[in-house]
């Protein structure tokens, strides 16, 4: 059986299409669509994530303060004397100024 020369380009094209269907993978368009979708989701989620991170930092600082006050109270009971929590920048002595911030540290 001979193939008409005019049909030959169509047969070659059909063979290429059949070979392409056997490939496993993604097209460029599919990858671009997924990247666009991921970008949109990240743009929506980022402000929420920042708020969650800030809330976590506040909760952590609050818990640190609660532990410090509970430790000071337990120490006062054990020593049977007054215990003070004061700001400290070096961890061994209290800061002398009234404007010293507790976020630097306390003892």
N, C-alpha and C. Protein backbone atom coordinates (compact mmCIF):
# COMPACT_ATOMS: atom_id res chain seq x y z
N UNK A 1 0.83 -1.17 0.00
CA UNK A 1 0.00 0.00 0.00
C UNK A 1 0.88 1.24 0.00
N UNK A 2 0.62 2.12 -0.88
CA UNK A 2 1.38 3.35 -0.96
C UNK A 2 0.57 4.49 -0.37
N UNK A 3 1.27 5.36 0.26
CA UNK A 3 0.63 6.50 0.90
C UNK A 3 0.74 7.69 -0.03
N UNK A 4 -0.32 8.36 -0.18
CA UNK A 4 -0.35 9.56 -1.01
C UNK A 4 0.56 10.61 -0.38
N UNK A 5 1.41 11.26 -1.16
CA UNK A 5 2.34 12.25 -0.60
C UNK A 5 1.64 13.38 0.13
N UNK A 6 0.44 13.71 -0.24
CA UNK A 6 -0.28 14.80 0.42
C UNK A 6 -0.70 14.43 1.85
N UNK A 7 -0.88 13.13 2.13
CA UNK A 7 -1.29 12.69 3.45
C UNK A 7 -0.13 12.46 4.39
N UNK A 8 1.05 12.40 3.88
CA UNK A 8 2.24 12.10 4.69
C UNK A 8 2.44 13.10 5.83
N UNK A 9 2.33 14.42 5.64
CA UNK A 9 2.50 15.35 6.76
C UNK A 9 1.47 15.11 7.87
N UNK A 10 0.26 14.72 7.51
CA UNK A 10 -0.75 14.45 8.53
C UNK A 10 -0.39 13.21 9.34
N UNK A 11 0.16 12.18 8.67
CA UNK A 11 0.55 10.96 9.38
C UNK A 11 1.69 11.26 10.35
N UNK A 12 2.65 12.06 9.91
CA UNK A 12 3.77 12.44 10.79
C UNK A 12 3.26 13.21 12.00
N UNK A 13 2.33 14.12 11.76
CA UNK A 13 1.76 14.90 12.85
C UNK A 13 1.00 14.01 13.82
N UNK A 14 0.23 13.04 13.32
CA UNK A 14 -0.50 12.10 14.17
C UNK A 14 0.45 11.27 15.01
N UNK A 15 1.56 10.85 14.41
CA UNK A 15 2.55 10.07 15.17
C UNK A 15 3.15 10.92 16.32
N UNK A 16 3.44 12.18 16.01
CA UNK A 16 4.00 13.07 17.05
C UNK A 16 3.00 13.27 18.17
N UNK A 17 1.74 13.44 17.83
CA UNK A 17 0.70 13.63 18.85
C UNK A 17 0.59 12.37 19.72
N UNK A 18 0.62 11.19 19.08
CA UNK A 18 0.55 9.94 19.86
C UNK A 18 1.76 9.80 20.78
N UNK A 19 2.94 10.18 20.28
CA UNK A 19 4.13 10.12 21.13
C UNK A 19 4.04 11.11 22.29
N UNK A 20 3.52 12.28 22.06
CA UNK A 20 3.38 13.28 23.11
C UNK A 20 2.40 12.83 24.18
N UNK A 21 1.38 12.09 23.80
CA UNK A 21 0.41 11.60 24.78
C UNK A 21 1.03 10.59 25.72
N UNK A 22 2.10 9.93 25.30
CA UNK A 22 2.77 8.94 26.15
C UNK A 22 3.68 9.60 27.19
N UNK A 23 4.05 10.87 26.98
CA UNK A 23 4.91 11.55 27.94
C UNK A 23 4.15 11.83 29.23
N UNK A 24 4.85 11.67 30.33
CA UNK A 24 4.29 12.01 31.63
C UNK A 24 4.96 13.32 32.07
N UNK A 25 4.16 14.29 32.41
CA UNK A 25 4.73 15.56 32.83
C UNK A 25 3.69 16.67 32.74
N UNK A 26 4.18 17.89 32.89
CA UNK A 26 3.31 19.05 32.88
C UNK A 26 3.67 19.94 31.71
N UNK A 27 2.68 20.60 31.19
CA UNK A 27 2.95 21.59 30.15
C UNK A 27 3.32 22.90 30.81
N UNK A 28 3.86 23.79 30.01
CA UNK A 28 4.26 25.09 30.53
C UNK A 28 3.04 25.86 31.04
N UNK A 29 1.95 25.75 30.36
CA UNK A 29 0.72 26.43 30.78
C UNK A 29 0.27 25.90 32.14
N UNK A 30 0.30 24.59 32.34
CA UNK A 30 -0.11 24.02 33.63
C UNK A 30 0.79 24.52 34.75
N UNK A 31 2.09 24.57 34.50
CA UNK A 31 3.02 25.06 35.53
C UNK A 31 2.76 26.53 35.85
N UNK A 32 2.51 27.34 34.85
CA UNK A 32 2.23 28.76 35.08
C UNK A 32 0.94 28.96 35.86
N UNK A 33 -0.08 28.15 35.56
CA UNK A 33 -1.34 28.26 36.29
C UNK A 33 -1.13 27.90 37.76
N UNK A 34 -0.38 26.84 38.02
CA UNK A 34 -0.12 26.42 39.41
C UNK A 34 0.69 27.50 40.15
N UNK A 35 1.69 28.06 39.49
CA UNK A 35 2.49 29.11 40.12
C UNK A 35 1.61 30.32 40.44
N UNK A 36 0.73 30.68 39.54
CA UNK A 36 -0.18 31.81 39.78
C UNK A 36 -1.10 31.51 40.96
N UNK A 37 -1.63 30.29 41.03
CA UNK A 37 -2.53 29.93 42.13
C UNK A 37 -1.79 29.96 43.46
N UNK A 38 -0.59 29.44 43.50
CA UNK A 38 0.20 29.43 44.74
C UNK A 38 0.52 30.87 45.16
N UNK A 39 0.84 31.72 44.21
CA UNK A 39 1.12 33.13 44.52
C UNK A 39 -0.09 33.81 45.15
N UNK A 40 -1.26 33.56 44.60
CA UNK A 40 -2.48 34.17 45.13
C UNK A 40 -2.74 33.69 46.55
N UNK A 41 -2.58 32.39 46.78
CA UNK A 41 -2.81 31.83 48.13
C UNK A 41 -1.81 32.43 49.12
N UNK A 42 -0.55 32.56 48.72
CA UNK A 42 0.45 33.14 49.62
C UNK A 42 0.17 34.61 49.91
N UNK A 43 -0.31 35.36 48.92
CA UNK A 43 -0.64 36.76 49.16
C UNK A 43 -1.79 36.89 50.14
N UNK A 44 -2.72 35.96 50.12
CA UNK A 44 -3.85 36.00 51.04
C UNK A 44 -3.43 35.54 52.43
N UNK A 45 -2.55 34.54 52.50
CA UNK A 45 -2.18 33.93 53.78
C UNK A 45 -1.13 34.74 54.55
N UNK A 46 -0.31 35.53 53.87
CA UNK A 46 0.79 36.22 54.53
C UNK A 46 0.33 37.18 55.64
N UNK A 47 -0.66 38.05 55.43
CA UNK A 47 -1.09 38.92 56.55
C UNK A 47 -1.61 38.13 57.74
N UNK A 48 -2.32 37.06 57.47
CA UNK A 48 -2.83 36.22 58.55
C UNK A 48 -1.67 35.58 59.31
N UNK A 49 -0.65 35.15 58.59
CA UNK A 49 0.51 34.53 59.23
C UNK A 49 1.26 35.54 60.08
N UNK A 50 1.37 36.78 59.61
CA UNK A 50 2.04 37.82 60.40
C UNK A 50 1.30 38.06 61.71
N UNK A 51 -0.03 38.11 61.63
CA UNK A 51 -0.84 38.32 62.83
C UNK A 51 -0.65 37.16 63.81
N UNK A 52 -0.61 35.94 63.28
CA UNK A 52 -0.41 34.76 64.13
C UNK A 52 0.97 34.81 64.79
N UNK A 53 1.97 35.22 64.05
CA UNK A 53 3.33 35.32 64.59
C UNK A 53 3.40 36.37 65.69
N UNK A 54 2.78 37.52 65.47
CA UNK A 54 2.77 38.57 66.48
C UNK A 54 2.03 38.11 67.74
N UNK A 55 0.91 37.45 67.55
CA UNK A 55 0.14 36.93 68.67
C UNK A 55 0.96 35.91 69.46
N UNK A 56 1.71 35.09 68.76
CA UNK A 56 2.57 34.10 69.42
C UNK A 56 3.66 34.77 70.24
N UNK A 57 4.26 35.84 69.70
CA UNK A 57 5.30 36.55 70.44
C UNK A 57 4.74 37.20 71.71
N UNK A 58 3.56 37.77 71.60
CA UNK A 58 2.91 38.39 72.77
C UNK A 58 2.61 37.33 73.82
N UNK A 59 2.08 36.19 73.38
CA UNK A 59 1.77 35.10 74.30
C UNK A 59 3.03 34.58 74.98
N UNK A 60 4.12 34.49 74.23
CA UNK A 60 5.39 34.02 74.80
C UNK A 60 5.92 35.00 75.85
N UNK A 61 5.88 36.29 75.56
CA UNK A 61 6.34 37.30 76.53
C UNK A 61 5.48 37.29 77.78
N UNK A 62 4.18 37.12 77.60
CA UNK A 62 3.26 37.05 78.75
C UNK A 62 3.58 35.84 79.62
N UNK A 63 3.81 34.71 78.97
CA UNK A 63 4.15 33.50 79.73
C UNK A 63 5.48 33.65 80.46
N UNK A 64 6.46 34.31 79.83
CA UNK A 64 7.74 34.57 80.50
C UNK A 64 7.52 35.41 81.76
N UNK A 65 6.66 36.43 81.65
CA UNK A 65 6.38 37.30 82.81
C UNK A 65 5.68 36.51 83.92
N UNK A 66 4.74 35.67 83.55
CA UNK A 66 4.01 34.86 84.54
C UNK A 66 4.97 33.92 85.27
N UNK A 67 5.87 33.29 84.52
CA UNK A 67 6.85 32.40 85.14
C UNK A 67 7.76 33.18 86.08
N UNK A 68 8.18 34.37 85.66
CA UNK A 68 9.06 35.18 86.51
C UNK A 68 8.37 35.58 87.81
N UNK A 69 7.11 35.99 87.72
CA UNK A 69 6.39 36.39 88.94
C UNK A 69 6.12 35.19 89.85
N UNK A 70 5.81 34.04 89.27
CA UNK A 70 5.60 32.84 90.08
C UNK A 70 6.89 32.40 90.75
N UNK A 71 8.00 32.51 90.02
CA UNK A 71 9.29 32.16 90.60
C UNK A 71 9.65 33.13 91.73
N UNK A 72 9.40 34.42 91.51
CA UNK A 72 9.69 35.42 92.55
C UNK A 72 8.83 35.16 93.79
N UNK A 73 7.58 34.82 93.58
CA UNK A 73 6.70 34.55 94.73
C UNK A 73 7.18 33.31 95.50
N UNK A 74 7.55 32.26 94.78
CA UNK A 74 8.04 31.05 95.44
C UNK A 74 9.33 31.33 96.20
N UNK A 75 10.18 32.15 95.61
CA UNK A 75 11.43 32.50 96.28
C UNK A 75 11.16 33.34 97.52
N UNK A 76 10.20 34.24 97.46
CA UNK A 76 9.85 35.06 98.63
C UNK A 76 9.31 34.19 99.75
N UNK A 77 8.50 33.21 99.41
CA UNK A 77 7.97 32.30 100.43
C UNK A 77 9.10 31.48 101.03
N UNK A 78 10.00 30.99 100.19
CA UNK A 78 11.11 30.16 100.67
C UNK A 78 12.04 30.95 101.58
N UNK A 79 12.37 32.19 101.21
CA UNK A 79 13.28 33.02 101.99
C UNK A 79 12.58 33.74 103.14
N UNK A 80 11.27 33.84 103.08
CA UNK A 80 10.48 34.59 104.07
C UNK A 80 10.89 36.05 104.13
N UNK A 81 11.08 36.61 102.93
CA UNK A 81 11.38 38.03 102.82
C UNK A 81 10.87 38.55 101.48
N UNK A 82 10.84 39.84 101.33
CA UNK A 82 10.32 40.46 100.11
C UNK A 82 11.29 40.24 98.95
N UNK A 83 10.74 39.92 97.80
CA UNK A 83 11.53 39.75 96.57
C UNK A 83 10.99 40.72 95.53
N UNK A 84 11.90 41.35 94.80
CA UNK A 84 11.51 42.35 93.80
C UNK A 84 11.97 41.91 92.42
N UNK A 85 11.11 42.12 91.43
CA UNK A 85 11.49 41.92 90.03
C UNK A 85 11.86 43.30 89.50
N UNK A 86 13.09 43.42 88.96
CA UNK A 86 13.52 44.72 88.46
C UNK A 86 14.18 44.56 87.10
N UNK A 87 14.16 45.64 86.29
CA UNK A 87 14.82 45.58 84.99
C UNK A 87 16.33 45.48 85.16
N UNK A 88 16.94 44.70 84.26
CA UNK A 88 18.39 44.52 84.32
C UNK A 88 18.92 44.33 82.90
N UNK A 89 20.04 45.00 82.63
CA UNK A 89 20.64 44.84 81.31
C UNK A 89 21.75 43.81 81.31
N UNK A 90 22.30 43.50 82.49
CA UNK A 90 23.40 42.54 82.54
C UNK A 90 23.03 41.23 83.24
N UNK A 91 21.89 41.14 83.86
CA UNK A 91 21.46 39.91 84.50
C UNK A 91 21.97 39.69 85.91
N UNK A 92 22.78 40.64 86.42
CA UNK A 92 23.30 40.46 87.78
C UNK A 92 22.93 41.62 88.71
N UNK A 93 22.67 42.79 88.18
CA UNK A 93 22.28 43.93 89.01
C UNK A 93 21.06 44.62 88.41
N UNK A 94 20.29 45.26 89.28
CA UNK A 94 19.12 46.00 88.82
C UNK A 94 19.57 47.29 88.15
N UNK A 95 18.81 47.72 87.16
CA UNK A 95 19.09 48.99 86.50
C UNK A 95 18.76 50.12 87.47
N UNK A 96 19.55 51.16 87.43
CA UNK A 96 19.38 52.25 88.39
C UNK A 96 18.37 53.30 87.94
N UNK A 97 18.13 53.41 86.66
CA UNK A 97 17.20 54.45 86.19
C UNK A 97 15.77 53.92 86.21
N UNK A 98 14.83 54.82 86.43
CA UNK A 98 13.42 54.44 86.44
C UNK A 98 12.88 54.20 85.03
N UNK A 99 13.65 54.64 84.03
CA UNK A 99 13.18 54.51 82.66
C UNK A 99 13.65 53.22 81.99
N UNK A 100 14.39 52.40 82.72
CA UNK A 100 14.88 51.15 82.14
C UNK A 100 13.70 50.26 81.76
N UNK A 101 13.77 49.68 80.59
CA UNK A 101 12.66 48.87 80.08
C UNK A 101 12.83 47.41 80.46
N UNK A 102 11.71 46.78 80.79
CA UNK A 102 11.76 45.37 81.17
C UNK A 102 12.04 44.46 79.98
N UNK A 103 11.83 44.93 78.74
CA UNK A 103 12.07 44.07 77.60
C UNK A 103 13.55 43.78 77.39
N UNK A 104 14.43 44.61 78.00
CA UNK A 104 15.86 44.33 77.94
C UNK A 104 16.18 43.10 78.77
N UNK A 105 15.49 42.93 79.87
CA UNK A 105 15.68 41.79 80.75
C UNK A 105 15.30 42.16 82.17
N UNK A 106 15.11 41.16 82.99
CA UNK A 106 14.81 41.41 84.39
C UNK A 106 15.41 40.32 85.25
N UNK A 107 15.57 40.67 86.52
CA UNK A 107 16.06 39.69 87.50
C UNK A 107 15.17 39.74 88.71
